N, C-alpha and C. Protein backbone atom coordinates (compact mmCIF):
# COMPACT_ATOMS: atom_id res chain seq x y z
N UNK A 1 3.59 -7.86 5.50
CA UNK A 1 2.72 -6.87 6.10
C UNK A 1 2.52 -7.17 7.59
N UNK A 2 2.51 -8.43 7.93
CA UNK A 2 2.27 -8.81 9.32
C UNK A 2 3.38 -8.31 10.25
N UNK A 3 4.60 -8.22 9.73
CA UNK A 3 5.71 -7.78 10.58
C UNK A 3 5.55 -6.32 10.99
N UNK A 4 4.95 -5.53 10.15
CA UNK A 4 4.81 -4.10 10.42
C UNK A 4 3.47 -3.74 11.03
N UNK A 5 2.69 -4.74 11.39
CA UNK A 5 1.32 -4.47 11.83
C UNK A 5 1.23 -3.47 12.97
N UNK A 6 1.98 -3.67 14.02
CA UNK A 6 1.84 -2.79 15.19
C UNK A 6 2.19 -1.35 14.84
N UNK A 7 3.28 -1.15 14.14
CA UNK A 7 3.68 0.21 13.77
C UNK A 7 2.71 0.81 12.76
N UNK A 8 2.33 0.02 11.77
CA UNK A 8 1.49 0.52 10.68
C UNK A 8 0.08 0.83 11.18
N UNK A 9 -0.46 0.00 12.03
CA UNK A 9 -1.81 0.26 12.54
C UNK A 9 -1.86 1.58 13.29
N UNK A 10 -0.82 1.86 14.06
CA UNK A 10 -0.78 3.13 14.79
C UNK A 10 -0.57 4.31 13.84
N UNK A 11 0.36 4.16 12.91
CA UNK A 11 0.69 5.26 11.98
C UNK A 11 -0.50 5.64 11.09
N UNK A 12 -1.26 4.63 10.66
CA UNK A 12 -2.38 4.89 9.74
C UNK A 12 -3.74 4.92 10.45
N UNK A 13 -3.70 4.78 11.76
CA UNK A 13 -4.94 4.74 12.57
C UNK A 13 -5.91 3.69 12.03
N UNK A 14 -5.40 2.46 11.86
CA UNK A 14 -6.22 1.37 11.35
C UNK A 14 -6.75 0.51 12.49
N UNK A 15 -7.99 0.10 12.37
CA UNK A 15 -8.53 -0.88 13.31
C UNK A 15 -8.01 -2.26 12.91
N UNK A 16 -8.24 -3.23 13.78
CA UNK A 16 -7.81 -4.59 13.45
C UNK A 16 -8.53 -5.11 12.22
N UNK A 17 -9.82 -4.78 12.09
CA UNK A 17 -10.56 -5.26 10.92
C UNK A 17 -10.08 -4.58 9.63
N UNK A 18 -9.72 -3.30 9.71
CA UNK A 18 -9.18 -2.61 8.53
C UNK A 18 -7.84 -3.21 8.12
N UNK A 19 -7.02 -3.53 9.10
CA UNK A 19 -5.74 -4.14 8.80
C UNK A 19 -5.93 -5.54 8.22
N UNK A 20 -6.88 -6.28 8.76
CA UNK A 20 -7.20 -7.60 8.21
C UNK A 20 -7.69 -7.51 6.78
N UNK A 21 -8.48 -6.50 6.49
CA UNK A 21 -8.96 -6.28 5.12
C UNK A 21 -7.79 -5.99 4.19
N UNK A 22 -6.86 -5.17 4.66
CA UNK A 22 -5.68 -4.85 3.85
C UNK A 22 -4.85 -6.11 3.58
N UNK A 23 -4.74 -6.97 4.58
CA UNK A 23 -4.01 -8.22 4.38
C UNK A 23 -4.76 -9.14 3.43
N UNK A 24 -6.08 -9.17 3.52
CA UNK A 24 -6.89 -10.09 2.73
C UNK A 24 -7.14 -9.66 1.30
N UNK A 25 -7.17 -8.35 1.04
CA UNK A 25 -7.46 -7.87 -0.31
C UNK A 25 -6.37 -8.29 -1.29
N UNK A 26 -5.18 -8.50 -0.77
CA UNK A 26 -4.08 -9.01 -1.59
C UNK A 26 -4.46 -10.33 -2.26
N UNK A 27 -5.13 -11.20 -1.53
CA UNK A 27 -5.44 -12.53 -2.05
C UNK A 27 -6.53 -12.50 -3.12
N UNK A 28 -7.34 -11.46 -3.14
CA UNK A 28 -8.33 -11.33 -4.20
C UNK A 28 -7.64 -11.20 -5.56
N UNK A 29 -6.69 -10.29 -5.64
CA UNK A 29 -5.99 -10.10 -6.92
C UNK A 29 -5.03 -11.26 -7.19
N UNK A 30 -4.44 -11.80 -6.16
CA UNK A 30 -3.53 -12.93 -6.32
C UNK A 30 -4.27 -14.12 -6.94
N UNK A 31 -5.43 -14.45 -6.41
CA UNK A 31 -6.23 -15.57 -6.94
C UNK A 31 -6.76 -15.26 -8.34
N UNK A 32 -7.20 -14.03 -8.54
CA UNK A 32 -7.74 -13.65 -9.85
C UNK A 32 -6.68 -13.68 -10.94
N UNK A 33 -5.42 -13.46 -10.57
CA UNK A 33 -4.35 -13.38 -11.56
C UNK A 33 -3.65 -14.70 -11.81
N UNK A 34 -3.96 -15.73 -11.06
CA UNK A 34 -3.25 -17.01 -11.22
C UNK A 34 -3.34 -17.57 -12.64
N UNK A 35 -4.52 -17.75 -13.15
CA UNK A 35 -4.69 -18.34 -14.48
C UNK A 35 -4.18 -17.41 -15.58
N UNK A 36 -4.53 -16.11 -15.56
CA UNK A 36 -4.00 -15.24 -16.62
C UNK A 36 -2.47 -15.16 -16.64
N UNK A 37 -1.83 -15.15 -15.47
CA UNK A 37 -0.37 -15.07 -15.49
C UNK A 37 0.26 -16.37 -15.98
N UNK A 38 -0.36 -17.49 -15.70
CA UNK A 38 0.14 -18.75 -16.27
C UNK A 38 0.03 -18.73 -17.78
N UNK A 39 -1.05 -18.16 -18.30
CA UNK A 39 -1.21 -18.03 -19.75
C UNK A 39 -0.17 -17.08 -20.32
N UNK A 40 0.13 -16.00 -19.60
CA UNK A 40 1.16 -15.06 -20.05
C UNK A 40 2.54 -15.73 -20.08
N UNK A 41 2.81 -16.55 -19.09
CA UNK A 41 4.08 -17.25 -19.06
C UNK A 41 4.21 -18.15 -20.28
N UNK A 42 3.13 -18.82 -20.62
CA UNK A 42 3.14 -19.69 -21.80
C UNK A 42 3.29 -18.90 -23.09
N UNK A 43 2.65 -17.74 -23.15
CA UNK A 43 2.65 -16.95 -24.38
C UNK A 43 3.91 -16.11 -24.56
N UNK A 44 4.33 -15.41 -23.50
CA UNK A 44 5.46 -14.48 -23.59
C UNK A 44 6.79 -15.09 -23.19
N UNK A 45 6.74 -16.15 -22.42
CA UNK A 45 7.97 -16.77 -21.93
C UNK A 45 8.24 -16.39 -20.49
N UNK A 46 8.89 -17.30 -19.81
CA UNK A 46 9.15 -17.11 -18.38
C UNK A 46 10.08 -15.94 -18.11
N UNK A 47 11.07 -15.76 -18.95
CA UNK A 47 12.06 -14.70 -18.72
C UNK A 47 11.42 -13.32 -18.69
N UNK A 48 10.57 -13.04 -19.65
CA UNK A 48 9.90 -11.73 -19.71
C UNK A 48 8.92 -11.55 -18.56
N UNK A 49 8.14 -12.57 -18.30
CA UNK A 49 7.15 -12.46 -17.22
C UNK A 49 7.85 -12.34 -15.88
N UNK A 50 8.92 -13.09 -15.68
CA UNK A 50 9.66 -13.02 -14.43
C UNK A 50 10.27 -11.63 -14.23
N UNK A 51 10.82 -11.05 -15.28
CA UNK A 51 11.39 -9.71 -15.17
C UNK A 51 10.31 -8.67 -14.86
N UNK A 52 9.20 -8.73 -15.57
CA UNK A 52 8.11 -7.78 -15.32
C UNK A 52 7.52 -7.97 -13.93
N UNK A 53 7.39 -9.22 -13.52
CA UNK A 53 6.86 -9.53 -12.20
C UNK A 53 7.74 -8.95 -11.10
N UNK A 54 9.04 -9.17 -11.20
CA UNK A 54 9.95 -8.69 -10.17
C UNK A 54 9.99 -7.16 -10.12
N UNK A 55 9.93 -6.53 -11.28
CA UNK A 55 9.92 -5.07 -11.32
C UNK A 55 8.65 -4.52 -10.67
N UNK A 56 7.51 -5.06 -11.07
CA UNK A 56 6.23 -4.59 -10.51
C UNK A 56 6.14 -4.89 -9.02
N UNK A 57 6.61 -6.05 -8.61
CA UNK A 57 6.60 -6.44 -7.20
C UNK A 57 7.45 -5.46 -6.38
N UNK A 58 8.62 -5.14 -6.88
CA UNK A 58 9.49 -4.20 -6.18
C UNK A 58 8.90 -2.80 -6.09
N UNK A 59 8.29 -2.35 -7.17
CA UNK A 59 7.67 -1.02 -7.16
C UNK A 59 6.50 -0.95 -6.19
N UNK A 60 5.66 -1.98 -6.20
CA UNK A 60 4.52 -2.00 -5.27
C UNK A 60 4.99 -2.07 -3.82
N UNK A 61 6.00 -2.88 -3.58
CA UNK A 61 6.52 -3.00 -2.21
C UNK A 61 7.15 -1.69 -1.74
N UNK A 62 7.92 -1.05 -2.61
CA UNK A 62 8.55 0.22 -2.25
C UNK A 62 7.50 1.31 -2.05
N UNK A 63 6.46 1.29 -2.85
CA UNK A 63 5.41 2.30 -2.72
C UNK A 63 4.65 2.17 -1.41
N UNK A 64 4.70 1.01 -0.80
CA UNK A 64 4.03 0.81 0.49
C UNK A 64 4.62 1.74 1.55
N UNK A 65 5.88 2.09 1.40
CA UNK A 65 6.52 3.01 2.36
C UNK A 65 5.92 4.41 2.28
N UNK A 66 5.26 4.73 1.18
CA UNK A 66 4.69 6.06 0.99
C UNK A 66 3.22 6.15 1.39
N UNK A 67 2.66 5.05 1.82
CA UNK A 67 1.23 5.00 2.17
C UNK A 67 0.94 5.91 3.35
N UNK A 68 -0.14 6.70 3.22
CA UNK A 68 -0.57 7.59 4.30
C UNK A 68 -2.02 7.37 4.72
N UNK A 69 -2.80 6.68 3.89
CA UNK A 69 -4.21 6.46 4.21
C UNK A 69 -4.58 5.00 4.05
N UNK A 70 -5.72 4.65 4.60
CA UNK A 70 -6.24 3.29 4.51
C UNK A 70 -6.50 2.92 3.05
N UNK A 71 -7.06 3.84 2.28
CA UNK A 71 -7.37 3.58 0.87
C UNK A 71 -6.12 3.30 0.05
N UNK A 72 -5.05 4.05 0.32
CA UNK A 72 -3.80 3.82 -0.39
C UNK A 72 -3.23 2.43 -0.07
N UNK A 73 -3.32 2.05 1.20
CA UNK A 73 -2.84 0.73 1.60
C UNK A 73 -3.65 -0.37 0.92
N UNK A 74 -4.96 -0.23 0.91
CA UNK A 74 -5.81 -1.23 0.26
C UNK A 74 -5.49 -1.32 -1.24
N UNK A 75 -5.31 -0.19 -1.88
CA UNK A 75 -5.01 -0.19 -3.32
C UNK A 75 -3.67 -0.88 -3.59
N UNK A 76 -2.64 -0.53 -2.84
CA UNK A 76 -1.33 -1.14 -3.07
C UNK A 76 -1.33 -2.63 -2.76
N UNK A 77 -2.03 -3.04 -1.72
CA UNK A 77 -2.10 -4.47 -1.41
C UNK A 77 -2.82 -5.22 -2.52
N UNK A 78 -3.88 -4.61 -3.07
CA UNK A 78 -4.59 -5.24 -4.18
C UNK A 78 -3.68 -5.35 -5.40
N UNK A 79 -2.97 -4.27 -5.72
CA UNK A 79 -2.08 -4.27 -6.88
C UNK A 79 -0.91 -5.24 -6.71
N UNK A 80 -0.45 -5.43 -5.49
CA UNK A 80 0.67 -6.32 -5.21
C UNK A 80 0.34 -7.77 -5.53
N UNK A 81 -0.90 -8.15 -5.43
CA UNK A 81 -1.29 -9.53 -5.71
C UNK A 81 -1.05 -9.94 -7.15
N UNK A 82 -1.17 -9.02 -8.09
CA UNK A 82 -0.98 -9.35 -9.50
C UNK A 82 0.45 -9.80 -9.82
N UNK A 83 1.47 -9.01 -9.48
CA UNK A 83 2.82 -9.49 -9.80
C UNK A 83 3.23 -10.72 -8.99
N UNK A 84 2.79 -10.81 -7.75
CA UNK A 84 3.17 -11.98 -6.96
C UNK A 84 2.56 -13.25 -7.53
N UNK A 85 1.40 -13.15 -8.13
CA UNK A 85 0.76 -14.33 -8.73
C UNK A 85 1.57 -14.86 -9.91
N UNK A 86 2.28 -14.02 -10.59
CA UNK A 86 3.05 -14.45 -11.75
C UNK A 86 4.43 -14.97 -11.44
N UNK A 87 4.91 -14.71 -10.24
CA UNK A 87 6.28 -15.09 -9.92
C UNK A 87 6.49 -16.60 -9.89
N UNK A 88 5.69 -17.31 -9.13
CA UNK A 88 5.93 -18.75 -8.95
C UNK A 88 5.81 -19.54 -10.26
N UNK A 89 4.76 -19.33 -11.07
CA UNK A 89 4.70 -20.07 -12.33
C UNK A 89 5.90 -19.79 -13.24
N UNK A 90 6.33 -18.53 -13.29
CA UNK A 90 7.47 -18.19 -14.15
C UNK A 90 8.76 -18.80 -13.61
N UNK A 91 8.92 -18.80 -12.30
CA UNK A 91 10.13 -19.38 -11.70
C UNK A 91 10.18 -20.89 -11.91
N UNK A 92 9.07 -21.56 -11.74
CA UNK A 92 9.04 -23.01 -11.92
C UNK A 92 9.26 -23.37 -13.39
N UNK A 93 8.68 -22.62 -14.30
CA UNK A 93 8.93 -22.88 -15.72
C UNK A 93 10.40 -22.67 -16.06
N UNK A 94 10.99 -21.62 -15.50
CA UNK A 94 12.41 -21.37 -15.74
C UNK A 94 13.26 -22.54 -15.24
N UNK A 95 12.95 -23.01 -14.04
CA UNK A 95 13.68 -24.17 -13.52
C UNK A 95 13.50 -25.40 -14.40
N UNK A 96 12.29 -25.61 -14.89
CA UNK A 96 12.03 -26.79 -15.71
C UNK A 96 12.74 -26.71 -17.06
N UNK A 97 13.00 -25.50 -17.54
CA UNK A 97 13.71 -25.35 -18.80
C UNK A 97 15.23 -25.43 -18.63
N UNK A 98 15.73 -25.03 -17.49
CA UNK A 98 17.16 -25.01 -17.25
C UNK A 98 17.73 -26.36 -16.84
N UNK A 99 16.95 -27.12 -16.09
CA UNK A 99 17.46 -28.36 -15.53
C UNK A 99 16.92 -29.58 -16.28
N UNK A 100 17.77 -30.59 -16.48
CA UNK A 100 17.29 -31.81 -17.11
C UNK A 100 16.36 -32.58 -16.18
N UNK A 101 15.63 -33.53 -16.73
CA UNK A 101 14.67 -34.30 -15.94
C UNK A 101 15.29 -34.90 -14.69
N UNK A 102 16.51 -35.33 -14.78
CA UNK A 102 17.15 -36.00 -13.64
C UNK A 102 17.45 -35.05 -12.47
N UNK A 103 17.57 -33.77 -12.73
CA UNK A 103 17.90 -32.80 -11.68
C UNK A 103 16.75 -31.87 -11.33
N UNK A 104 15.67 -31.95 -12.06
CA UNK A 104 14.58 -30.98 -11.90
C UNK A 104 13.94 -31.02 -10.51
N UNK A 105 13.71 -32.20 -9.97
CA UNK A 105 13.06 -32.27 -8.65
C UNK A 105 13.98 -31.70 -7.57
N UNK A 106 15.27 -31.93 -7.69
CA UNK A 106 16.22 -31.38 -6.72
C UNK A 106 16.23 -29.85 -6.80
N UNK A 107 16.20 -29.32 -8.01
CA UNK A 107 16.21 -27.86 -8.18
C UNK A 107 14.92 -27.24 -7.64
N UNK A 108 13.79 -27.86 -7.90
CA UNK A 108 12.51 -27.34 -7.39
C UNK A 108 12.47 -27.40 -5.87
N UNK A 109 13.00 -28.48 -5.31
CA UNK A 109 13.05 -28.61 -3.86
C UNK A 109 13.93 -27.54 -3.24
N UNK A 110 15.07 -27.31 -3.83
CA UNK A 110 15.98 -26.28 -3.33
C UNK A 110 15.35 -24.89 -3.42
N UNK A 111 14.66 -24.62 -4.53
CA UNK A 111 13.96 -23.35 -4.70
C UNK A 111 12.93 -23.14 -3.59
N UNK A 112 12.13 -24.17 -3.33
CA UNK A 112 11.09 -24.07 -2.30
C UNK A 112 11.71 -23.96 -0.90
N UNK A 113 12.77 -24.70 -0.66
CA UNK A 113 13.46 -24.63 0.63
C UNK A 113 14.04 -23.24 0.87
N UNK A 114 14.64 -22.66 -0.16
CA UNK A 114 15.21 -21.32 -0.02
C UNK A 114 14.13 -20.27 0.24
N UNK A 115 12.96 -20.44 -0.35
CA UNK A 115 11.86 -19.52 -0.09
C UNK A 115 11.44 -19.60 1.38
N UNK A 116 11.39 -20.81 1.91
CA UNK A 116 11.03 -20.99 3.31
C UNK A 116 12.11 -20.40 4.23
N UNK A 117 13.36 -20.66 3.92
CA UNK A 117 14.44 -20.10 4.73
C UNK A 117 14.45 -18.57 4.65
N UNK A 118 14.18 -18.04 3.47
CA UNK A 118 14.11 -16.59 3.32
C UNK A 118 13.02 -15.97 4.18
N UNK A 119 11.90 -16.66 4.27
CA UNK A 119 10.81 -16.18 5.13
C UNK A 119 11.24 -16.19 6.59
N UNK A 120 11.92 -17.23 7.00
CA UNK A 120 12.40 -17.32 8.39
C UNK A 120 13.40 -16.22 8.71
N UNK A 121 14.34 -16.03 7.83
CA UNK A 121 15.35 -14.98 8.04
C UNK A 121 14.71 -13.60 7.99
N UNK A 122 13.78 -13.42 7.05
CA UNK A 122 13.08 -12.14 6.95
C UNK A 122 12.27 -11.81 8.19
N UNK A 123 11.62 -12.82 8.74
CA UNK A 123 10.83 -12.60 9.97
C UNK A 123 11.73 -12.20 11.12
N UNK A 124 12.85 -12.87 11.27
CA UNK A 124 13.77 -12.55 12.36
C UNK A 124 14.36 -11.16 12.21
N UNK A 125 14.82 -10.84 11.01
CA UNK A 125 15.43 -9.53 10.81
C UNK A 125 14.40 -8.41 10.88
N UNK A 126 13.18 -8.66 10.42
CA UNK A 126 12.13 -7.64 10.52
C UNK A 126 11.80 -7.35 11.97
N UNK A 127 11.70 -8.40 12.76
CA UNK A 127 11.44 -8.21 14.18
C UNK A 127 12.54 -7.42 14.86
N UNK A 128 13.78 -7.73 14.51
CA UNK A 128 14.92 -7.01 15.10
C UNK A 128 14.92 -5.54 14.68
N UNK A 129 14.60 -5.27 13.41
CA UNK A 129 14.56 -3.88 12.93
C UNK A 129 13.45 -3.09 13.60
N UNK A 130 12.30 -3.72 13.80
CA UNK A 130 11.19 -3.01 14.41
C UNK A 130 11.41 -2.78 15.91
N UNK A 131 12.21 -3.62 16.54
CA UNK A 131 12.52 -3.45 17.96
C UNK A 131 13.45 -2.25 18.19
N UNK A 132 14.32 -1.98 17.22
CA UNK A 132 15.29 -0.90 17.42
C UNK A 132 14.74 0.45 17.08
């Protein structure tokens, strides 16, 4: 959301505080969903939760392109926190089930490193797209 701030604030006529609220409301649902999604991962399995999480995450992210009002943005940001909260626990459980004890720390490290690199690449490409 931060990458699109300048364009989005103008398009939706948002003040800085409204945009900050939209960024922050995500964490309310994200924090609220942490424990329940971990329980779902244990009950339903990582594969199912990971699939549902990625589908819901993609739908919420795509729907952000259709936002026209402050209320719609706040609602979508709030809804986005739920699937994002389930992704990491399901991914780590999947890694722990796929890799033996001797390779698990290397796999978890690589997963975390790739997430960081993805953020770096995403920031650079987002900036380039918004400049053009």
